[in-house]
PDB file of all heavy atoms in Angstrom:
ATOM      1  N   VAL A   1     137.974  62.788 107.545  1.00  0.00           N
ATOM      2  CA  VAL A   1     136.790  63.619 107.462  1.00  0.00           C
ATOM      3  C   VAL A   1     136.988  64.854 108.320  1.00  0.00           C
ATOM      4  O   VAL A   1     137.556  64.802 109.419  1.00  0.00           O
ATOM      5  CB  VAL A   1     135.578  62.895 107.985  1.00  0.00           C
ATOM      6  CG1 VAL A   1     134.335  63.769 107.953  1.00  0.00           C
ATOM      7  CG2 VAL A   1     135.236  61.641 107.149  1.00  0.00           C
ATOM      8  N   LEU A   2     136.620  65.996 107.762  1.00  0.00           N
ATOM      9  CA  LEU A   2     136.568  67.257 108.437  1.00  0.00           C
ATOM     10  C   LEU A   2     135.112  67.805 108.358  1.00  0.00           C
ATOM     11  O   LEU A   2     134.489  67.768 107.342  1.00  0.00           O
ATOM     12  CB  LEU A   2     137.451  68.313 107.806  1.00  0.00           C
ATOM     13  CG  LEU A   2     138.955  68.107 107.884  1.00  0.00           C
ATOM     14  CD1 LEU A   2     139.697  69.164 107.047  1.00  0.00           C
ATOM     15  CD2 LEU A   2     139.484  68.160 109.368  1.00  0.00           C
ATOM     16  N   VAL A   3     134.604  68.227 109.495  1.00  0.00           N
ATOM     17  CA  VAL A   3     133.264  68.762 109.615  1.00  0.00           C
ATOM     18  C   VAL A   3     133.337  70.130 110.340  1.00  0.00           C
ATOM     19  O   VAL A   3     133.968  70.267 111.300  1.00  0.00           O
ATOM     20  CB  VAL A   3     132.312  67.856 110.452  1.00  0.00           C
ATOM     21  CG1 VAL A   3     130.890  68.409 110.553  1.00  0.00           C
ATOM     22  CG2 VAL A   3     132.259  66.434 109.823  1.00  0.00           C
ATOM     23  N   SER A   4     132.553  71.143 109.766  1.00  0.00           N
ATOM     24  CA  SER A   4     132.644  72.449 110.406  1.00  0.00           C
ATOM     25  C   SER A   4     131.284  73.137 110.183  1.00  0.00           C
ATOM     26  O   SER A   4     130.713  73.062 109.071  1.00  0.00           O
ATOM     27  CB  SER A   4     133.757  73.297 109.685  1.00  0.00           C
ATOM     28  OG  SER A   4     133.742  74.554 110.281  1.00  0.00           O
ATOM     29  N   ASN A   5     130.949  73.820 111.205  1.00  0.00           N
ATOM     30  CA  ASN A   5     129.791  74.780 111.204  1.00  0.00           C
ATOM     31  C   ASN A   5     130.432  76.089 111.532  1.00  0.00           C
ATOM     32  O   ASN A   5     130.224  76.633 112.663  1.00  0.00           O
ATOM     33  CB  ASN A   5     128.747  74.351 112.210  1.00  0.00           C
ATOM     34  CG  ASN A   5     127.572  75.291 112.310  1.00  0.00           C
ATOM     35  OD1 ASN A   5     127.436  76.169 111.431  1.00  0.00           O
ATOM     36  ND2 ASN A   5     126.748  75.120 113.322  1.00  0.00           N
ATOM     37  N   PRO A   6     131.026  76.729 110.552  1.00  0.00           N
ATOM     38  CA  PRO A   6     131.738  77.997 110.835  1.00  0.00           C
ATOM     39  C   PRO A   6     130.734  79.225 110.949  1.00  0.00           C
ATOM     40  O   PRO A   6     129.640  79.121 110.441  1.00  0.00           O
ATOM     41  CB  PRO A   6     132.662  78.169 109.627  1.00  0.00           C
ATOM     42  CG  PRO A   6     131.909  77.579 108.518  1.00  0.00           C
ATOM     43  CD  PRO A   6     131.187  76.379 109.191  1.00  0.00           C
ATOM     44  N   PRO A   7     131.161  80.270 111.509  1.00  0.00           N
ATOM     45  CA  PRO A   7     130.369  81.512 111.428  1.00  0.00           C
ATOM     46  C   PRO A   7     130.217  81.849 109.941  1.00  0.00           C
ATOM     47  O   PRO A   7     131.150  81.962 109.151  1.00  0.00           O
ATOM     48  CB  PRO A   7     131.200  82.595 112.166  1.00  0.00           C
ATOM     49  CG  PRO A   7     132.152  81.795 112.984  1.00  0.00           C
ATOM     50  CD  PRO A   7     132.434  80.491 112.230  1.00  0.00           C
ATOM     51  N   TYR A   8     128.941  82.102 109.569  1.00  0.00           N
ATOM     52  CA  TYR A   8     128.719  82.427 108.103  1.00  0.00           C
ATOM     53  C   TYR A   8     127.680  83.555 107.911  1.00  0.00           C
ATOM     54  O   TYR A   8     127.371  83.783 106.791  1.00  0.00           O
ATOM     55  CB  TYR A   8     128.229  81.166 107.414  1.00  0.00           C
ATOM     56  CG  TYR A   8     126.987  80.520 107.938  1.00  0.00           C
ATOM     57  CD1 TYR A   8     125.765  81.045 107.770  1.00  0.00           C
ATOM     58  CD2 TYR A   8     127.185  79.326 108.670  1.00  0.00           C
ATOM     59  CE1 TYR A   8     124.641  80.374 108.289  1.00  0.00           C
ATOM     60  CE2 TYR A   8     126.066  78.639 109.167  1.00  0.00           C
ATOM     61  CZ  TYR A   8     124.766  79.190 109.000  1.00  0.00           C
ATOM     62  OH  TYR A   8     123.691  78.523 109.533  1.00  0.00           O
ATOM     63  N   ILE A   9     127.251  84.222 108.900  1.00  0.00           N
ATOM     64  CA  ILE A   9     126.361  85.306 108.755  1.00  0.00           C
ATOM     65  C   ILE A   9     127.097  86.507 108.344  1.00  0.00           C
ATOM     66  O   ILE A   9     128.052  86.936 109.115  1.00  0.00           O
ATOM     67  CB  ILE A   9     125.506  85.525 109.959  1.00  0.00           C
ATOM     68  CG1 ILE A   9     124.708  84.210 110.328  1.00  0.00           C
ATOM     69  CG2 ILE A   9     124.508  86.735 109.840  1.00  0.00           C
ATOM     70  CD1 ILE A   9     124.053  84.256 111.666  1.00  0.00           C
ATOM     71  N   PRO A  10     126.701  87.265 107.334  1.00  0.00           N
ATOM     72  CA  PRO A  10     127.409  88.529 107.005  1.00  0.00           C
ATOM     73  C   PRO A  10     127.340  89.544 108.177  1.00  0.00           C
ATOM     74  O   PRO A  10     126.212  89.611 108.860  1.00  0.00           O
ATOM     75  CB  PRO A  10     126.575  89.033 105.772  1.00  0.00           C
ATOM     76  CG  PRO A  10     126.078  87.834 105.124  1.00  0.00           C
ATOM     77  CD  PRO A  10     125.743  86.881 106.249  1.00  0.00           C
ATOM     78  N   ALA A  11     128.382  90.271 108.415  1.00  0.00           N
ATOM     79  CA  ALA A  11     128.438  91.160 109.523  1.00  0.00           C
ATOM     80  C   ALA A  11     127.250  92.119 109.680  1.00  0.00           C
ATOM     81  O   ALA A  11     126.716  92.238 110.762  1.00  0.00           O
ATOM     82  CB  ALA A  11     129.766  91.957 109.466  1.00  0.00           C
ATOM     83  N   GLU A  12     126.846  92.712 108.587  1.00  0.00           N
ATOM     84  CA  GLU A  12     125.671  93.579 108.640  1.00  0.00           C
ATOM     85  C   GLU A  12     124.406  92.913 109.079  1.00  0.00           C
ATOM     86  O   GLU A  12     123.628  93.480 109.816  1.00  0.00           O
ATOM     87  CB  GLU A  12     125.514  94.275 107.283  1.00  0.00           C
ATOM     88  CG  GLU A  12     124.452  95.403 107.239  1.00  0.00           C
ATOM     89  CD  GLU A  12     124.741  96.548 108.106  1.00  0.00           C
ATOM     90  OE1 GLU A  12     125.936  96.891 108.319  1.00  0.00           O
ATOM     91  OE2 GLU A  12     123.784  97.189 108.655  1.00  0.00           O
ATOM     92  N   ASP A  13     124.230  91.685 108.572  1.00  0.00           N
ATOM     93  CA  ASP A  13     123.062  90.883 108.987  1.00  0.00           C
ATOM     94  C   ASP A  13     123.014  90.575 110.466  1.00  0.00           C
ATOM     95  O   ASP A  13     121.969  90.336 111.050  1.00  0.00           O
ATOM     96  CB  ASP A  13     122.910  89.626 108.153  1.00  0.00           C
ATOM     97  CG  ASP A  13     122.630  89.944 106.719  1.00  0.00           C
ATOM     98  OD1 ASP A  13     122.452  91.075 106.338  1.00  0.00           O
ATOM     99  OD2 ASP A  13     122.724  88.969 105.889  1.00  0.00           O
ATOM    100  N   CYS A  14     124.195  90.497 111.067  1.00  0.00           N
ATOM    101  CA  CYS A  14     124.265  90.141 112.498  1.00  0.00           C
ATOM    102  C   CYS A  14     123.549  91.194 113.381  1.00  0.00           C
ATOM    103  O   CYS A  14     123.163  90.868 114.529  1.00  0.00           O
ATOM    104  CB  CYS A  14     125.775  90.047 112.929  1.00  0.00           C
ATOM    105  SG  CYS A  14     126.540  88.544 112.385  1.00  0.00           S
ATOM    106  N   ARG A  15     123.360  92.327 112.843  1.00  0.00           N
ATOM    107  CA  ARG A  15     122.684  93.434 113.603  1.00  0.00           C
ATOM    108  C   ARG A  15     121.215  93.190 113.690  1.00  0.00           C
ATOM    109  O   ARG A  15     120.519  93.822 114.461  1.00  0.00           O
ATOM    110  CB  ARG A  15     123.022  94.729 112.970  1.00  0.00           C
ATOM    111  CG  ARG A  15     124.438  95.176 112.855  1.00  0.00           C
ATOM    112  CD  ARG A  15     124.626  96.450 112.158  1.00  0.00           C
ATOM    113  NE  ARG A  15     125.941  96.677 111.708  1.00  0.00           N
ATOM    114  CZ  ARG A  15     126.831  97.377 112.263  1.00  0.00           C
ATOM    115  NH1 ARG A  15     126.489  98.000 113.415  1.00  0.00           N
ATOM    116  NH2 ARG A  15     127.967  97.507 111.840  1.00  0.00           N
ATOM    117  N   GLN A  16     120.674  92.359 112.819  1.00  0.00           N
ATOM    118  CA  GLN A  16     119.204  92.119 112.721  1.00  0.00           C
ATOM    119  C   GLN A  16     118.759  90.717 112.993  1.00  0.00           C
ATOM    120  O   GLN A  16     117.715  90.320 112.599  1.00  0.00           O
ATOM    121  CB  GLN A  16     118.801  92.464 111.304  1.00  0.00           C
ATOM    122  CG  GLN A  16     119.270  93.858 110.777  1.00  0.00           C
ATOM    123  CD  GLN A  16     119.226  93.975 109.252  1.00  0.00           C
ATOM    124  OE1 GLN A  16     118.498  93.265 108.618  1.00  0.00           O
ATOM    125  NE2 GLN A  16     119.989  94.831 108.712  1.00  0.00           N
ATOM    126  N   LEU A  17     119.579  89.989 113.776  1.00  0.00           N
ATOM    127  CA  LEU A  17     119.211  88.641 114.118  1.00  0.00           C
ATOM    128  C   LEU A  17     118.067  88.511 115.209  1.00  0.00           C
ATOM    129  O   LEU A  17     117.937  89.412 115.962  1.00  0.00           O
ATOM    130  CB  LEU A  17     120.451  87.909 114.599  1.00  0.00           C
ATOM    131  CG  LEU A  17     121.548  87.745 113.553  1.00  0.00           C
ATOM    132  CD1 LEU A  17     122.778  87.167 114.227  1.00  0.00           C
ATOM    133  CD2 LEU A  17     121.097  86.847 112.419  1.00  0.00           C
ATOM    134  N   GLN A  18     117.419  87.418 115.164  1.00  0.00           N
ATOM    135  CA  GLN A  18     116.389  87.119 116.124  1.00  0.00           C
ATOM    136  C   GLN A  18     116.992  86.970 117.503  1.00  0.00           C
ATOM    137  O   GLN A  18     118.158  86.534 117.720  1.00  0.00           O
ATOM    138  CB  GLN A  18     115.599  85.824 115.757  1.00  0.00           C
ATOM    139  CG  GLN A  18     114.889  85.969 114.446  1.00  0.00           C
ATOM    140  CD  GLN A  18     114.526  84.565 113.915  1.00  0.00           C
ATOM    141  OE1 GLN A  18     115.212  83.608 114.174  1.00  0.00           O
ATOM    142  NE2 GLN A  18     113.463  84.543 113.152  1.00  0.00           N
ATOM    143  N   ALA A  19     116.219  87.294 118.589  1.00  0.00           N
ATOM    144  CA  ALA A  19     116.725  87.334 119.973  1.00  0.00           C
ATOM    145  C   ALA A  19     117.339  85.923 120.326  1.00  0.00           C
ATOM    146  O   ALA A  19     118.332  85.842 121.015  1.00  0.00           O
ATOM    147  CB  ALA A  19     115.569  87.706 120.871  1.00  0.00           C
ATOM    148  N   GLU A  20     116.650  84.850 119.922  1.00  0.00           N
ATOM    149  CA  GLU A  20     117.240  83.530 120.296  1.00  0.00           C
ATOM    150  C   GLU A  20     118.580  83.235 119.622  1.00  0.00           C
ATOM    151  O   GLU A  20     119.392  82.573 120.202  1.00  0.00           O
ATOM    152  CB  GLU A  20     116.169  82.433 120.001  1.00  0.00           C
ATOM    153  CG  GLU A  20     115.843  82.238 118.630  1.00  0.00           C
ATOM    154  CD  GLU A  20     114.576  83.055 118.110  1.00  0.00           C
ATOM    155  OE1 GLU A  20     114.251  83.969 118.764  1.00  0.00           O
ATOM    156  OE2 GLU A  20     114.091  82.628 117.066  1.00  0.00           O
ATOM    157  N   VAL A  21     118.753  83.761 118.474  1.00  0.00           N
ATOM    158  CA  VAL A  21     120.086  83.590 117.801  1.00  0.00           C
ATOM    159  C   VAL A  21     121.156  84.453 118.498  1.00  0.00           C
ATOM    160  O   VAL A  21     122.301  83.925 118.680  1.00  0.00           O
ATOM    161  CB  VAL A  21     119.993  83.918 116.329  1.00  0.00           C
ATOM    162  CG1 VAL A  21     121.385  83.837 115.610  1.00  0.00           C
ATOM    163  CG2 VAL A  21     118.950  83.030 115.606  1.00  0.00           C
ATOM    164  N   LEU A  22     120.767  85.582 118.997  1.00  0.00           N
ATOM    165  CA  LEU A  22     121.753  86.448 119.653  1.00  0.00           C
ATOM    166  C   LEU A  22     122.189  85.875 121.018  1.00  0.00           C
ATOM    167  O   LEU A  22     123.072  86.555 121.589  1.00  0.00           O
ATOM    168  CB  LEU A  22     121.180  87.860 119.781  1.00  0.00           C
ATOM    169  CG  LEU A  22     121.096  88.571 118.426  1.00  0.00           C
ATOM    170  CD1 LEU A  22     120.356  89.904 118.619  1.00  0.00           C
ATOM    171  CD2 LEU A  22     122.385  88.796 117.834  1.00  0.00           C
ATOM    172  N   ARG A  23     121.626  84.785 121.461  1.00  0.00           N
ATOM    173  CA  ARG A  23     122.173  84.166 122.665  1.00  0.00           C
ATOM    174  C   ARG A  23     123.529  83.604 122.461  1.00  0.00           C
ATOM    175  O   ARG A  23     124.300  83.274 123.344  1.00  0.00           O
ATOM    176  CB  ARG A  23     121.215  83.120 123.192  1.00  0.00           C
ATOM    177  CG  ARG A  23     119.926  83.621 123.782  1.00  0.00           C
ATOM    178  CD  ARG A  23     119.079  82.575 124.391  1.00  0.00           C
ATOM    179  NE  ARG A  23     117.690  82.934 124.257  1.00  0.00           N
ATOM    180  CZ  ARG A  23     116.708  82.152 123.990  1.00  0.00           C
ATOM    181  NH1 ARG A  23     116.912  80.838 123.964  1.00  0.00           N
ATOM    182  NH2 ARG A  23     115.539  82.581 123.773  1.00  0.00           N
ATOM    183  N   GLU A  24     123.791  83.312 121.137  1.00  0.00           N
ATOM    184  CA  GLU A  24     125.148  82.710 120.821  1.00  0.00           C
ATOM    185  C   GLU A  24     126.118  83.912 120.866  1.00  0.00           C
ATOM    186  O   GLU A  24     125.860  85.017 120.560  1.00  0.00           O
ATOM    187  CB  GLU A  24     125.121  82.142 119.397  1.00  0.00           C
ATOM    188  CG  GLU A  24     124.212  80.988 119.262  1.00  0.00           C
ATOM    189  CD  GLU A  24     124.732  79.736 119.987  1.00  0.00           C
ATOM    190  OE1 GLU A  24     125.960  79.625 120.111  1.00  0.00           O
ATOM    191  OE2 GLU A  24     123.893  78.943 120.480  1.00  0.00           O
ATOM    192  N   PRO A  25     127.391  83.580 121.111  1.00  0.00           N
ATOM    193  CA  PRO A  25     128.410  84.664 121.065  1.00  0.00           C
ATOM    194  C   PRO A  25     128.602  85.124 119.560  1.00  0.00           C
ATOM    195  O   PRO A  25     128.452  84.334 118.664  1.00  0.00           O
ATOM    196  CB  PRO A  25     129.776  83.897 121.462  1.00  0.00           C
ATOM    197  CG  PRO A  25     129.308  82.625 122.019  1.00  0.00           C
ATOM    198  CD  PRO A  25     127.954  82.308 121.553  1.00  0.00           C
ATOM    199  N   MET A  26     128.859  86.364 119.395  1.00  0.00           N
ATOM    200  CA  MET A  26     128.955  86.914 118.130  1.00  0.00           C
ATOM    201  C   MET A  26     130.073  86.298 117.261  1.00  0.00           C
ATOM    202  O   MET A  26     129.996  86.104 116.076  1.00  0.00           O
ATOM    203  CB  MET A  26     129.223  88.475 118.186  1.00  0.00           C
ATOM    204  CG  MET A  26     128.948  89.264 116.904  1.00  0.00           C
ATOM    205  SD  MET A  26     127.348  88.955 116.065  1.00  0.00           S
ATOM    206  CE  MET A  26     126.233  89.497 117.246  1.00  0.00           C
ATOM    207  N   THR A  27     131.127  85.823 117.991  1.00  0.00           N
ATOM    208  CA  THR A  27     132.212  85.101 117.297  1.00  0.00           C
ATOM    209  C   THR A  27     131.780  83.842 116.617  1.00  0.00           C
ATOM    210  O   THR A  27     132.454  83.355 115.699  1.00  0.00           O
ATOM    211  CB  THR A  27     133.423  84.848 118.226  1.00  0.00           C
ATOM    212  OG1 THR A  27     132.865  84.051 119.367  1.00  0.00           O
ATOM    213  CG2 THR A  27     134.084  86.142 118.726  1.00  0.00           C
ATOM    214  N   ALA A  28     130.631  83.278 117.112  1.00  0.00           N
ATOM    215  CA  ALA A  28     130.072  82.045 116.508  1.00  0.00           C
ATOM    216  C   ALA A  28     129.131  82.366 115.370  1.00  0.00           C
ATOM    217  O   ALA A  28     128.685  81.482 114.676  1.00  0.00           O
ATOM    218  CB  ALA A  28     129.326  81.245 117.550  1.00  0.00           C
ATOM    219  N   LEU A  29     128.881  83.618 115.063  1.00  0.00           N
ATOM    220  CA  LEU A  29     127.874  84.079 114.154  1.00  0.00           C
ATOM    221  C   LEU A  29     128.527  84.801 112.918  1.00  0.00           C
ATOM    222  O   LEU A  29     128.098  84.562 111.813  1.00  0.00           O
ATOM    223  CB  LEU A  29     126.780  84.850 114.761  1.00  0.00           C
ATOM    224  CG  LEU A  29     126.000  84.231 115.904  1.00  0.00           C
ATOM    225  CD1 LEU A  29     125.099  85.214 116.562  1.00  0.00           C
ATOM    226  CD2 LEU A  29     125.197  83.008 115.417  1.00  0.00           C
ATOM    227  N   ASP A  30     129.307  85.750 113.246  1.00  0.00           N
ATOM    228  CA  ASP A  30     129.733  86.835 112.283  1.00  0.00           C
ATOM    229  C   ASP A  30     130.823  86.149 111.339  1.00  0.00           C
ATOM    230  O   ASP A  30     131.995  85.899 111.802  1.00  0.00           O
ATOM    231  CB  ASP A  30     130.375  88.020 113.050  1.00  0.00           C
ATOM    232  CG  ASP A  30     130.782  89.116 112.172  1.00  0.00           C
ATOM    233  OD1 ASP A  30     130.925  88.924 110.926  1.00  0.00           O
ATOM    234  OD2 ASP A  30     130.899  90.174 112.691  1.00  0.00           O
ATOM    235  N   GLY A  31     130.412  86.005 110.092  1.00  0.00           N
ATOM    236  CA  GLY A  31     131.316  85.475 109.043  1.00  0.00           C
ATOM    237  C   GLY A  31     132.064  86.483 108.298  1.00  0.00           C
ATOM    238  O   GLY A  31     132.565  86.167 107.139  1.00  0.00           O
ATOM    239  N   GLY A  32     132.162  87.751 108.741  1.00  0.00           N
ATOM    240  CA  GLY A  32     132.774  88.737 108.034  1.00  0.00           C
ATOM    241  C   GLY A  32     131.888  89.529 107.140  1.00  0.00           C
ATOM    242  O   GLY A  32     130.635  89.241 107.073  1.00  0.00           O
ATOM    243  N   GLU A  33     132.391  90.478 106.420  1.00  0.00           N
ATOM    244  CA  GLU A  33     131.590  91.331 105.627  1.00  0.00           C
ATOM    245  C   GLU A  33     130.630  90.611 104.678  1.00  0.00           C
ATOM    246  O   GLU A  33     129.515  90.997 104.618  1.00  0.00           O
ATOM    247  CB  GLU A  33     132.516  92.287 104.789  1.00  0.00           C
ATOM    248  CG  GLU A  33     131.708  93.312 104.045  1.00  0.00           C
ATOM    249  CD  GLU A  33     132.586  94.277 103.263  1.00  0.00           C
ATOM    250  OE1 GLU A  33     133.823  94.488 103.642  1.00  0.00           O
ATOM    251  OE2 GLU A  33     132.138  94.886 102.291  1.00  0.00           O
ATOM    252  N   ASP A  34     131.065  89.641 103.990  1.00  0.00           N
ATOM    253  CA  ASP A  34     130.177  88.853 103.080  1.00  0.00           C
ATOM    254  C   ASP A  34     129.754  87.573 103.587  1.00  0.00           C
ATOM    255  O   ASP A  34     129.047  86.786 102.913  1.00  0.00           O
ATOM    256  CB  ASP A  34     130.816  88.780 101.715  1.00  0.00           C
ATOM    257  CG  ASP A  34     132.085  87.931 101.727  1.00  0.00           C
ATOM    258  OD1 ASP A  34     132.565  87.466 102.833  1.00  0.00           O
ATOM    259  OD2 ASP A  34     132.730  87.699 100.666  1.00  0.00           O
ATOM    260  N   GLY A  35     130.180  87.153 104.803  1.00  0.00           N
ATOM    261  CA  GLY A  35     129.846  85.847 105.382  1.00  0.00           C
ATOM    262  C   GLY A  35     130.759  84.667 104.949  1.00  0.00           C
ATOM    263  O   GLY A  35     130.560  83.554 105.314  1.00  0.00           O
ATOM    264  N   TYR A  36     131.757  84.935 104.116  1.00  0.00           N
ATOM    265  CA  TYR A  36     132.604  83.960 103.623  1.00  0.00           C
ATOM    266  C   TYR A  36     133.978  83.852 104.145  1.00  0.00           C
ATOM    267  O   TYR A  36     134.826  83.093 103.723  1.00  0.00           O
ATOM    268  CB  TYR A  36     132.705  84.138 102.074  1.00  0.00           C
ATOM    269  CG  TYR A  36     131.511  83.705 101.266  1.00  0.00           C
ATOM    270  CD1 TYR A  36     130.433  84.608 101.149  1.00  0.00           C
ATOM    271  CD2 TYR A  36     131.436  82.476 100.717  1.00  0.00           C
ATOM    272  CE1 TYR A  36     129.304  84.224 100.429  1.00  0.00           C
ATOM    273  CE2 TYR A  36     130.253  82.124 100.048  1.00  0.00           C
ATOM    274  CZ  TYR A  36     129.251  82.970  99.891  1.00  0.00           C
ATOM    275  OH  TYR A  36     128.105  82.583  99.195  1.00  0.00           O
ATOM    276  N   ASP A  37     134.351  84.725 105.170  1.00  0.00           N
ATOM    277  CA  ASP A  37     135.659  84.737 105.722  1.00  0.00           C
ATOM    278  C   ASP A  37     136.193  83.370 106.170  1.00  0.00           C
ATOM    279  O   ASP A  37     137.324  82.953 105.709  1.00  0.00           O
ATOM    280  CB  ASP A  37     135.766  85.646 106.878  1.00  0.00           C
ATOM    281  CG  ASP A  37     135.838  87.131 106.521  1.00  0.00           C
ATOM    282  OD1 ASP A  37     135.722  87.498 105.349  1.00  0.00           O
ATOM    283  OD2 ASP A  37     135.876  87.987 107.508  1.00  0.00           O
ATOM    284  N   PHE A  38     135.427  82.580 106.833  1.00  0.00           N
ATOM    285  CA  PHE A  38     135.865  81.279 107.392  1.00  0.00           C
ATOM    286  C   PHE A  38     135.872  80.246 106.162  1.00  0.00           C
ATOM    287  O   PHE A  38     136.762  79.382 106.209  1.00  0.00           O
ATOM    288  CB  PHE A  38     134.978  80.794 108.471  1.00  0.00           C
ATOM    289  CG  PHE A  38     135.196  81.643 109.715  1.00  0.00           C
ATOM    290  CD1 PHE A  38     134.426  82.769 109.924  1.00  0.00           C
ATOM    291  CD2 PHE A  38     136.104  81.263 110.629  1.00  0.00           C
ATOM    292  CE1 PHE A  38     134.702  83.558 111.098  1.00  0.00           C
ATOM    293  CE2 PHE A  38     136.395  82.052 111.813  1.00  0.00           C
ATOM    294  CZ  PHE A  38     135.614  83.186 111.966  1.00  0.00           C
TER     295      PHE A  38
END
């Protein structure tokens, strides 16, 4: 079994996240231009 919660938020959307979400490191959120890099 492999389990993953990869970064999946599109890069542009990362600029508009709620304050509580932004407590996470950007590397844990930003999934690349379309959110599918990982």
